[in-house]
Amino acid sequence: MVYNFFMAHFFKLENTVQHYDWGSPRMIPELTGQENTELIPWAELWMGVNPGAPSICIDDEKNRKISLPDLIKEDAGFYLGDETVKAFGTLPFLYKVLSADKPLSIQAHPNLEQAKEGFERENKAGIDIKAPNRNYKDPNHKPEIICALSPFTAMCGFREPAEIEKLLPIVDCRALDAPLAALKDASPEGGLKGFLGALFAMNAEDRKMVTDTILEQGRDFSIKHKEYETEFNLCVQFAQIHPDDPSVIAPLYLNVIELKPGEAIFLSAGILHAYVHGLSMELMANSDNVLRGGLTSKYIDVDELERILIFKPFMPEILKPSISDSEKSVFTYTTRCGDFVLRHHQNTSGTIDYINASPSIIFVTNGNLTMKDTESGKALILKKGESAFLAPAEKTGKIILDGTFEMYSASTGLHQ
């Protein structure tokens, strides 16, 4: 092991909150112990090196604050490890706390090849990187995992065409005849593509008709179709927030998923989805590439979205933490993604070894922990809602964690 006694290798982080209009004014403040007296929406807390909101490291030894990207530039080999430098050149993931009070946009993310091509195309077209009509902010893909901290509602992946055919007539509206007809293509892929294309192509009059029909059916619907009450209630909610948006019927063609705290889903490229409500940890490749199709005030590019979508039925696996009788436990949410891996840690007594084979960011969701380097004696205390960056073990001493706590760690996925 190469160990530099004189270099600090863990740092408490200061992180930026993104105030998107769908965010909750209370969930993240309650988690981090901060005040939000103006009750503005706190949607996402970003941790990592993304240029949109890089984390700030508190370096007590040098009495300074320095951005995480700048810290890594000082000695990438030490702070990332040789393997991560060779594979990615930087910290390859973006880690977030996500807090949704309203639905996020209907969206999907590109694969690596699509992201590189789209980024170059928009550069050549002269679209400013900060322009609202910019789809590709970087040349990277964006697979992601989302893990619930509270009961969490999401929509993810197309339902089977036969199920959509059964559900769609629940909204008794002739404006949906064309999308339904397109769904009857001989192949699932052709049917789903035709269905979505016809839905997005509806004129203003038909869009209004769908919204009005949903709101008019309202309360009486649950009496007639009790088994689909959840789906229809979401349609009503969406119609109230985003009137005349064809995506208000998304719960009828996407799978509605209810995650319990600790449960997670992993999404690769091209999967149509939207997060609806709840508090979660979200971990993804270091990218901000989003193609949107509805339920948003942000830029929508239906043509580009359809170009990168996978038009196949898809139900994500729900990753459930294993139950342990031990006072100490670590659970890995396996994704087979080299960019990142998410782990859940809890401790109720004594100390535990923290095995960080690659650079990592930890976020404490309950309790308090003390992080200590056994060789140098350096220590760091983190309480609920606080986070830290750690260099990989190959460059540092042994780290132990003490206290009663629950935390989630993000690391590269090179050692899953």
Protein backbone atom coordinates (compact mmCIF):
# COMPACT_ATOMS: atom_id res chain seq x y z
CA MET A 1 0.00 0.00 0.00
CA VAL A 2 1.21 3.47 -0.87
CA TYR A 3 0.29 5.68 2.08
CA ASN A 4 0.96 9.41 2.34
CA PHE A 5 0.72 10.25 6.02
CA PHE A 6 0.78 13.98 5.32
CA MET A 7 -2.20 14.08 2.96
CA ALA A 8 -5.76 14.17 4.29
CA HIS A 9 -7.87 11.53 2.63
CA PHE A 10 -11.38 12.26 3.85
CA PHE A 11 -13.21 15.57 3.79
CA LYS A 12 -16.57 16.82 4.96
CA LEU A 13 -18.54 18.22 2.01
CA GLU A 14 -20.66 21.28 1.41
CA ASN A 15 -23.17 20.61 -1.35
CA THR A 16 -25.47 22.65 -3.58
CA VAL A 17 -29.26 22.35 -3.50
CA GLN A 18 -31.16 22.63 -6.80
CA HIS A 19 -34.48 24.44 -6.47
CA TYR A 20 -36.57 22.92 -9.27
CA ASP A 21 -40.30 23.61 -9.14
CA TRP A 22 -41.23 19.97 -8.45
CA GLY A 23 -39.16 19.77 -5.27
CA SER A 24 -40.46 19.53 -1.72
CA PRO A 25 -39.92 22.51 0.59
CA ARG A 26 -39.52 20.29 3.64
CA MET A 27 -38.02 16.83 2.91
CA ILE A 28 -34.36 17.77 2.32
CA PRO A 29 -34.35 20.53 5.00
CA GLU A 30 -35.71 18.04 7.54
CA LEU A 31 -33.06 15.48 6.54
CA THR A 32 -30.16 17.94 6.72
CA GLY A 33 -31.40 19.97 9.68
CA GLN A 34 -31.49 23.21 7.71
CA GLU A 35 -34.13 25.92 7.70
CA ASN A 36 -36.27 26.78 4.70
CA THR A 37 -38.35 29.61 6.09
CA GLU A 38 -39.30 30.85 2.62
CA LEU A 39 -40.65 27.38 1.76
CA ILE A 40 -39.01 27.32 -1.66
CA PRO A 41 -38.75 23.89 -3.32
CA TRP A 42 -35.61 21.91 -2.48
CA ALA A 43 -35.50 19.31 -5.25
CA GLU A 44 -31.98 17.84 -5.35
CA LEU A 45 -28.81 18.01 -3.29
CA TRP A 46 -25.82 17.29 -5.56
CA MET A 47 -22.61 15.55 -4.45
CA GLY A 48 -19.67 15.05 -6.77
CA VAL A 49 -17.64 16.84 -9.43
CA ASN A 50 -20.34 17.72 -11.97
CA PRO A 51 -19.65 21.28 -13.22
CA GLY A 52 -23.33 22.14 -12.69
CA ALA A 53 -22.82 22.10 -8.89
CA PRO A 54 -19.52 20.61 -7.67
CA SER A 55 -19.12 19.75 -3.99
CA ILE A 56 -16.85 21.84 -1.78
CA CYS A 57 -14.34 20.04 0.47
CA ILE A 58 -13.61 21.43 3.92
CA ASP A 59 -9.85 20.96 4.34
CA ASP A 60 -9.14 21.69 8.00
CA GLU A 61 -5.46 20.76 7.76
CA LYS A 62 -4.77 23.50 5.21
CA ASN A 63 -7.48 25.79 6.61
CA ARG A 64 -9.24 26.11 3.28
CA LYS A 65 -12.28 25.21 1.26
CA ILE A 66 -11.67 23.75 -2.19
CA SER A 67 -13.97 22.31 -4.82
CA LEU A 68 -13.81 18.54 -5.17
CA PRO A 69 -12.74 18.78 -8.85
CA ASP A 70 -9.88 21.10 -7.90
CA LEU A 71 -8.82 18.85 -5.03
CA ILE A 72 -8.67 15.87 -7.36
CA LYS A 73 -6.60 17.88 -9.87
CA GLU A 74 -3.94 18.40 -7.18
CA ASP A 75 -3.21 14.65 -7.13
CA ALA A 76 -5.65 12.51 -9.13
CA GLY A 77 -3.69 9.35 -8.42
CA PHE A 78 -4.03 9.81 -4.67
CA TYR A 79 -7.62 10.99 -4.47
CA LEU A 80 -9.06 8.66 -7.13
CA GLY A 81 -6.65 5.73 -7.22
CA ASP A 82 -4.75 4.50 -10.26
CA GLU A 83 -7.55 2.19 -11.43
CA THR A 84 -10.21 4.93 -11.47
CA VAL A 85 -7.87 7.39 -13.16
CA LYS A 86 -7.14 4.85 -15.89
CA ALA A 87 -10.79 3.88 -16.38
CA PHE A 88 -12.48 7.30 -16.12
CA GLY A 89 -9.97 10.11 -15.54
CA THR A 90 -12.30 11.68 -12.97
CA LEU A 91 -14.92 10.75 -10.38
CA PRO A 92 -17.38 8.95 -12.66
CA PHE A 93 -20.60 9.36 -10.70
CA LEU A 94 -23.03 12.04 -9.56
CA TYR A 95 -24.70 11.41 -6.20
CA LYS A 96 -27.94 13.12 -5.15
CA VAL A 97 -30.62 13.36 -2.53
CA LEU A 98 -33.86 13.70 -4.52
CA SER A 99 -37.03 15.15 -3.01
CA ALA A 100 -40.18 15.18 -5.16
CA ASP A 101 -43.44 16.85 -4.14
CA LYS A 102 -44.72 16.89 -7.71
CA PRO A 103 -43.97 14.58 -10.66
CA LEU A 104 -40.70 14.99 -12.51
CA SER A 105 -40.82 15.06 -16.29
CA ILE A 106 -41.50 12.00 -18.43
CA GLN A 107 -37.93 11.34 -19.53
CA ALA A 108 -35.18 8.98 -20.63
CA HIS A 109 -31.40 9.11 -20.87
CA PRO A 110 -29.06 8.30 -23.79
CA ASN A 111 -26.49 5.53 -23.95
CA LEU A 112 -22.82 6.42 -24.28
CA GLU A 113 -22.74 6.36 -28.09
CA GLN A 114 -25.91 8.46 -28.36
CA ALA A 115 -24.61 10.97 -25.81
CA LYS A 116 -21.31 11.45 -27.63
CA GLU A 117 -23.05 11.88 -30.99
CA GLY A 118 -25.70 14.25 -29.61
CA PHE A 119 -23.16 16.36 -27.70
CA GLU A 120 -21.01 16.78 -30.81
CA ARG A 121 -24.06 17.51 -33.00
CA GLU A 122 -25.30 20.27 -30.72
CA ASN A 123 -21.81 21.73 -30.42
CA LYS A 124 -21.56 21.93 -34.22
CA ALA A 125 -25.00 23.55 -34.32
CA GLY A 126 -23.69 26.28 -32.02
CA ILE A 127 -26.22 25.64 -29.21
CA ASP A 128 -24.87 27.19 -26.03
CA ILE A 129 -24.21 24.64 -23.29
CA LYS A 130 -26.53 26.59 -20.96
CA ALA A 131 -29.27 27.19 -23.54
CA PRO A 132 -32.73 25.96 -22.45
CA ASN A 133 -33.08 24.01 -25.71
CA ARG A 134 -29.82 22.12 -25.16
CA ASN A 135 -30.44 18.35 -24.81
CA TYR A 136 -26.87 17.11 -24.36
CA LYS A 137 -24.90 18.91 -21.64
CA ASP A 138 -22.01 16.43 -21.83
CA PRO A 139 -20.86 13.38 -23.87
CA ASN A 140 -21.66 10.84 -21.15
CA HIS A 141 -24.38 8.26 -20.58
CA LYS A 142 -26.61 8.38 -17.51
CA PRO A 143 -27.59 5.00 -16.07
CA GLU A 144 -28.99 5.52 -12.60
CA ILE A 145 -30.22 3.85 -9.44
CA ILE A 146 -32.78 5.39 -7.12
CA CYS A 147 -33.22 4.14 -3.55
CA ALA A 148 -36.18 5.20 -1.41
CA LEU A 149 -35.65 6.93 1.95
CA SER A 150 -39.42 7.36 2.34
CA PRO A 151 -42.35 5.69 0.57
CA PHE A 152 -41.54 6.59 -3.03
CA THR A 153 -43.73 6.53 -6.14
CA ALA A 154 -42.25 6.16 -9.61
CA MET A 155 -43.38 5.30 -13.12
CA CYS A 156 -40.95 3.20 -15.09
CA GLY A 157 -40.94 1.20 -18.32
CA PHE A 158 -43.70 0.49 -20.84
CA ARG A 159 -46.47 -1.87 -19.83
CA GLU A 160 -47.28 -4.78 -22.10
CA PRO A 161 -49.35 -3.54 -25.10
CA ALA A 162 -52.27 -5.81 -24.10
CA GLU A 163 -52.32 -4.20 -20.65
CA ILE A 164 -52.29 -0.71 -22.14
CA GLU A 165 -55.19 -1.69 -24.40
CA LYS A 166 -57.10 -2.71 -21.28
CA LEU A 167 -56.27 0.39 -19.25
CA LEU A 168 -56.52 3.20 -21.79
CA PRO A 169 -60.30 2.96 -22.40
CA ILE A 170 -60.74 3.74 -18.70
CA VAL A 171 -60.41 7.35 -19.86
CA ASP A 172 -63.55 7.33 -21.96
CA CYS A 173 -62.37 9.81 -24.60
CA ARG A 174 -62.43 9.54 -28.40
CA ALA A 175 -59.24 11.60 -28.58
CA LEU A 176 -57.38 8.44 -27.52
CA ASP A 177 -58.73 6.37 -30.43
CA ALA A 178 -55.70 7.09 -32.65
CA PRO A 179 -53.06 6.12 -30.06
CA LEU A 180 -55.06 2.97 -29.27
CA ALA A 181 -55.27 2.05 -32.95
CA ALA A 182 -51.52 2.55 -33.37
CA LEU A 183 -50.90 0.21 -30.45
CA LYS A 184 -52.33 -2.71 -32.42
CA ASP A 185 -49.24 -3.07 -34.60
CA ALA A 186 -48.14 -6.67 -35.11
CA SER A 187 -45.00 -6.25 -33.00
CA PRO A 188 -44.74 -4.87 -29.44
CA GLU A 189 -41.95 -2.53 -30.53
CA GLY A 190 -43.91 -1.15 -33.48
CA GLY A 191 -47.08 -0.86 -31.44
CA LEU A 192 -45.45 1.03 -28.57
CA LYS A 193 -43.60 3.36 -30.92
CA GLY A 194 -46.74 4.09 -32.90
CA PHE A 195 -48.76 4.58 -29.74
CA LEU A 196 -46.35 7.08 -28.21
CA GLY A 197 -45.93 8.93 -31.50
CA ALA A 198 -49.70 9.27 -31.92
CA LEU A 199 -50.07 10.40 -28.31
CA PHE A 200 -47.44 13.12 -28.63
CA ALA A 201 -48.87 14.20 -32.01
CA MET A 202 -52.35 14.97 -30.64
CA ASN A 203 -53.57 18.46 -31.48
CA ALA A 204 -54.47 21.06 -28.86
CA GLU A 205 -58.18 20.27 -29.01
CA ASP A 206 -57.65 16.55 -28.37
CA ARG A 207 -55.18 17.23 -25.57
CA LYS A 208 -57.71 19.45 -23.83
CA MET A 209 -60.40 16.82 -24.35
CA VAL A 210 -58.28 14.17 -22.58
CA THR A 211 -57.54 16.46 -19.62
CA ASP A 212 -61.16 17.58 -19.32
CA THR A 213 -62.40 13.98 -19.45
CA ILE A 214 -60.06 12.89 -16.67
CA LEU A 215 -61.07 15.78 -14.42
CA GLU A 216 -64.77 15.25 -15.13
CA GLN A 217 -64.57 11.52 -14.31
CA GLY A 218 -62.80 12.44 -11.08
CA ARG A 219 -64.25 11.01 -7.91
CA ASP A 220 -66.75 8.68 -9.58
CA PHE A 221 -63.97 6.75 -11.26
CA SER A 222 -62.79 4.86 -8.17
CA ILE A 223 -66.29 3.45 -7.73
CA LYS A 224 -66.34 1.99 -11.24
CA HIS A 225 -62.69 0.86 -11.47
CA LYS A 226 -61.51 0.25 -7.91
CA GLU A 227 -58.58 -1.92 -9.05
CA TYR A 228 -57.08 0.99 -11.02
CA GLU A 229 -57.69 3.69 -8.45
CA THR A 230 -53.97 4.42 -7.97
CA GLU A 231 -53.36 4.86 -11.68
CA PHE A 232 -56.38 7.08 -12.24
CA ASN A 233 -55.70 9.23 -9.17
CA LEU A 234 -52.26 9.93 -10.61
CA CYS A 235 -53.85 10.87 -13.95
CA VAL A 236 -56.09 13.35 -12.10
CA GLN A 237 -53.11 14.79 -10.22
CA PHE A 238 -51.12 15.20 -13.43
CA ALA A 239 -54.09 16.79 -15.23
CA GLN A 240 -54.39 19.35 -12.46
CA ILE A 241 -50.69 20.24 -12.53
CA HIS A 242 -50.07 19.97 -16.30
CA PRO A 243 -53.38 20.57 -18.09
CA ASP A 244 -53.53 19.73 -21.80
CA ASP A 245 -50.34 17.64 -21.63
CA PRO A 246 -50.80 14.23 -23.32
CA SER A 247 -48.50 12.67 -20.71
CA VAL A 248 -51.21 12.99 -18.05
CA ILE A 249 -52.22 9.42 -19.01
CA ALA A 250 -48.68 8.10 -18.42
CA PRO A 251 -49.80 5.95 -15.43
CA LEU A 252 -51.87 3.93 -17.90
CA TYR A 253 -48.95 3.03 -20.20
CA LEU A 254 -46.02 3.04 -17.75
CA ASN A 255 -45.62 0.72 -14.77
CA VAL A 256 -46.50 2.45 -11.49
CA ILE A 257 -44.05 1.38 -8.77
CA GLU A 258 -44.31 1.97 -5.03
CA LEU A 259 -40.94 1.62 -3.29
CA LYS A 260 -40.61 1.10 0.45
CA PRO A 261 -37.70 2.72 2.32
CA GLY A 262 -34.51 0.87 1.41
CA GLU A 263 -35.87 -0.52 -1.87
CA ALA A 264 -34.31 0.56 -5.16
CA ILE A 265 -34.59 0.29 -8.93
CA PHE A 266 -31.85 0.53 -11.54
CA LEU A 267 -32.49 2.15 -14.93
CA SER A 268 -30.23 1.81 -17.93
CA ALA A 269 -30.38 3.97 -21.06
CA GLY A 270 -33.53 4.37 -23.13
CA ILE A 271 -36.09 3.53 -20.41
CA LEU A 272 -39.02 5.95 -20.24
CA HIS A 273 -39.72 6.94 -16.64
CA ALA A 274 -40.78 9.64 -14.20
CA TYR A 275 -40.39 9.99 -10.45
CA VAL A 276 -43.60 11.14 -8.79
CA HIS A 277 -43.29 11.62 -5.03
CA GLY A 278 -40.97 10.91 -2.12
CA LEU A 279 -37.44 11.22 -0.74
CA SER A 280 -34.60 9.12 -2.13
CA MET A 281 -30.90 8.67 -2.75
CA GLU A 282 -30.13 8.83 -6.48
CA LEU A 283 -26.82 7.71 -7.97
CA MET A 284 -25.90 7.96 -11.63
CA ALA A 285 -23.06 8.31 -14.07
CA ASN A 286 -21.65 11.84 -13.99
CA SER A 287 -24.01 13.35 -16.55
CA ASP A 288 -26.89 15.80 -16.85
CA ASN A 289 -28.31 14.51 -20.14
CA VAL A 290 -32.11 14.32 -20.03
CA LEU A 291 -34.55 13.94 -22.94
CA ARG A 292 -38.03 15.05 -21.87
CA GLY A 293 -41.47 14.28 -23.28
CA GLY A 294 -43.95 15.93 -20.90
CA LEU A 295 -45.08 16.81 -17.37
CA THR A 296 -42.59 19.67 -17.22
CA SER A 297 -42.09 23.36 -17.82
CA LYS A 298 -38.60 22.62 -19.17
CA TYR A 299 -37.63 22.07 -22.80
CA ILE A 300 -39.33 19.12 -24.50
CA ASP A 301 -37.86 17.45 -27.57
CA VAL A 302 -40.17 14.60 -28.52
CA ASP A 303 -38.27 13.69 -31.69
CA GLU A 304 -34.96 13.30 -29.84
CA LEU A 305 -36.62 11.42 -27.00
CA GLU A 306 -38.20 8.93 -29.41
CA ARG A 307 -34.84 8.50 -31.14
CA ILE A 308 -33.16 7.18 -27.98
CA LEU A 309 -36.07 5.24 -26.44
CA ILE A 310 -36.21 1.46 -26.25
CA PHE A 311 -39.73 0.55 -27.38
CA LYS A 312 -40.10 -2.69 -25.46
CA PRO A 313 -42.14 -3.59 -22.37
CA PHE A 314 -39.95 -3.29 -19.28
CA MET A 315 -40.59 -3.84 -15.59
CA PRO A 316 -37.56 -2.97 -13.42
CA GLU A 317 -36.44 -5.38 -10.73
CA ILE A 318 -37.03 -4.03 -7.24
CA LEU A 319 -33.77 -4.39 -5.32
CA LYS A 320 -34.58 -5.18 -1.70
CA PRO A 321 -31.99 -5.06 1.11
CA SER A 322 -31.30 -8.42 2.69
CA ILE A 323 -32.49 -8.84 6.28
CA SER A 324 -29.69 -9.26 8.80
CA ASP A 325 -29.89 -10.09 12.51
CA SER A 326 -26.47 -8.58 12.95
CA GLU A 327 -25.99 -5.23 14.64
CA LYS A 328 -23.75 -4.31 11.71
CA SER A 329 -24.75 -4.75 8.08
CA VAL A 330 -23.76 -3.65 4.60
CA PHE A 331 -25.98 -4.23 1.59
CA THR A 332 -24.82 -3.72 -2.00
CA TYR A 333 -27.36 -2.79 -4.67
CA THR A 334 -25.87 -4.74 -7.58
CA THR A 335 -26.17 -2.96 -10.94
CA ARG A 336 -23.27 -4.34 -12.98
CA CYS A 337 -22.45 -0.73 -13.88
CA GLY A 338 -18.78 0.21 -13.80
CA ASP A 339 -19.47 3.90 -13.15
CA PHE A 340 -20.96 3.42 -9.69
CA VAL A 341 -22.24 1.16 -6.95
CA LEU A 342 -24.59 2.06 -4.09
CA ARG A 343 -24.35 0.49 -0.63
CA HIS A 344 -26.45 0.78 2.50
CA HIS A 345 -24.63 0.63 5.86
CA GLN A 346 -25.96 0.52 9.39
CA ASN A 347 -24.33 0.13 12.77
CA THR A 348 -25.86 -0.05 16.25
CA SER A 349 -22.82 -0.76 18.43
CA GLY A 350 -19.05 -0.90 18.35
CA THR A 351 -16.92 -0.07 15.31
CA ILE A 352 -16.88 -1.31 11.73
CA ASP A 353 -14.19 -1.27 9.07
CA TYR A 354 -14.99 0.87 6.04
CA ILE A 355 -13.72 -0.93 2.94
CA ASN A 356 -13.30 1.70 0.23
CA ALA A 357 -11.55 -0.02 -2.65
CA SER A 358 -12.34 3.02 -4.81
CA PRO A 359 -13.08 6.72 -4.17
CA SER A 360 -16.41 7.19 -2.45
CA ILE A 361 -18.91 9.67 -1.06
CA ILE A 362 -20.92 8.78 2.02
CA PHE A 363 -24.16 10.41 3.19
CA VAL A 364 -25.55 9.88 6.71
CA THR A 365 -29.33 9.42 6.81
CA ASN A 366 -29.69 8.64 10.54
CA GLY A 367 -27.63 8.98 13.70
CA ASN A 368 -24.04 10.14 14.01
CA LEU A 369 -20.75 8.54 13.04
CA THR A 370 -17.09 9.15 13.73
CA MET A 371 -14.70 8.28 10.92
CA LYS A 372 -11.13 7.58 11.99
CA ASP A 373 -7.86 6.73 10.23
CA THR A 374 -6.17 4.15 12.46
CA GLU A 375 -2.65 5.03 11.31
CA SER A 376 -2.66 8.83 11.49
CA GLY A 377 -5.37 9.19 14.15
CA LYS A 378 -7.23 11.75 12.03
CA ALA A 379 -10.96 11.81 12.70
CA LEU A 380 -14.11 13.31 11.25
CA ILE A 381 -17.57 13.48 12.85
CA LEU A 382 -20.65 13.37 10.62
CA LYS A 383 -24.23 13.76 11.78
CA LYS A 384 -27.52 13.07 10.01
CA GLY A 385 -27.70 14.91 6.69
CA GLU A 386 -23.93 15.37 6.33
CA SER A 387 -21.58 13.85 3.76
CA ALA A 388 -17.91 13.21 3.12
CA PHE A 389 -15.53 12.30 0.30
CA LEU A 390 -12.97 9.50 0.85
CA ALA A 391 -9.89 8.63 -1.17
CA PRO A 392 -9.47 4.91 -1.98
CA ALA A 393 -7.87 2.53 0.50
CA GLU A 394 -4.97 1.74 -1.83
CA LYS A 395 -3.62 5.22 -1.09
CA THR A 396 -4.65 5.60 2.55
CA GLY A 397 -4.65 3.98 5.94
CA LYS A 398 -7.35 1.77 7.44
CA ILE A 399 -10.60 3.59 8.19
CA ILE A 400 -13.01 2.61 10.97
CA LEU A 401 -16.50 3.97 11.64
CA ASP A 402 -17.90 4.32 15.14
CA GLY A 403 -21.35 5.28 16.38
CA THR A 404 -25.00 4.43 15.88
CA PHE A 405 -25.85 5.41 12.35
CA GLU A 406 -27.34 4.59 8.97
CA MET A 407 -25.66 5.78 5.78
CA TYR A 408 -25.50 5.27 2.03
CA SER A 409 -22.19 5.17 0.20
CA ALA A 410 -21.47 5.80 -3.48
CA SER A 411 -18.32 4.35 -5.03
CA THR A 412 -17.13 3.42 -8.49
CA GLY A 413 -18.47 0.09 -9.70
CA LEU A 414 -15.06 -1.34 -10.56
CA HIS A 415 -15.11 -3.66 -7.52
CA GLN A 416 -18.74 -4.86 -7.35
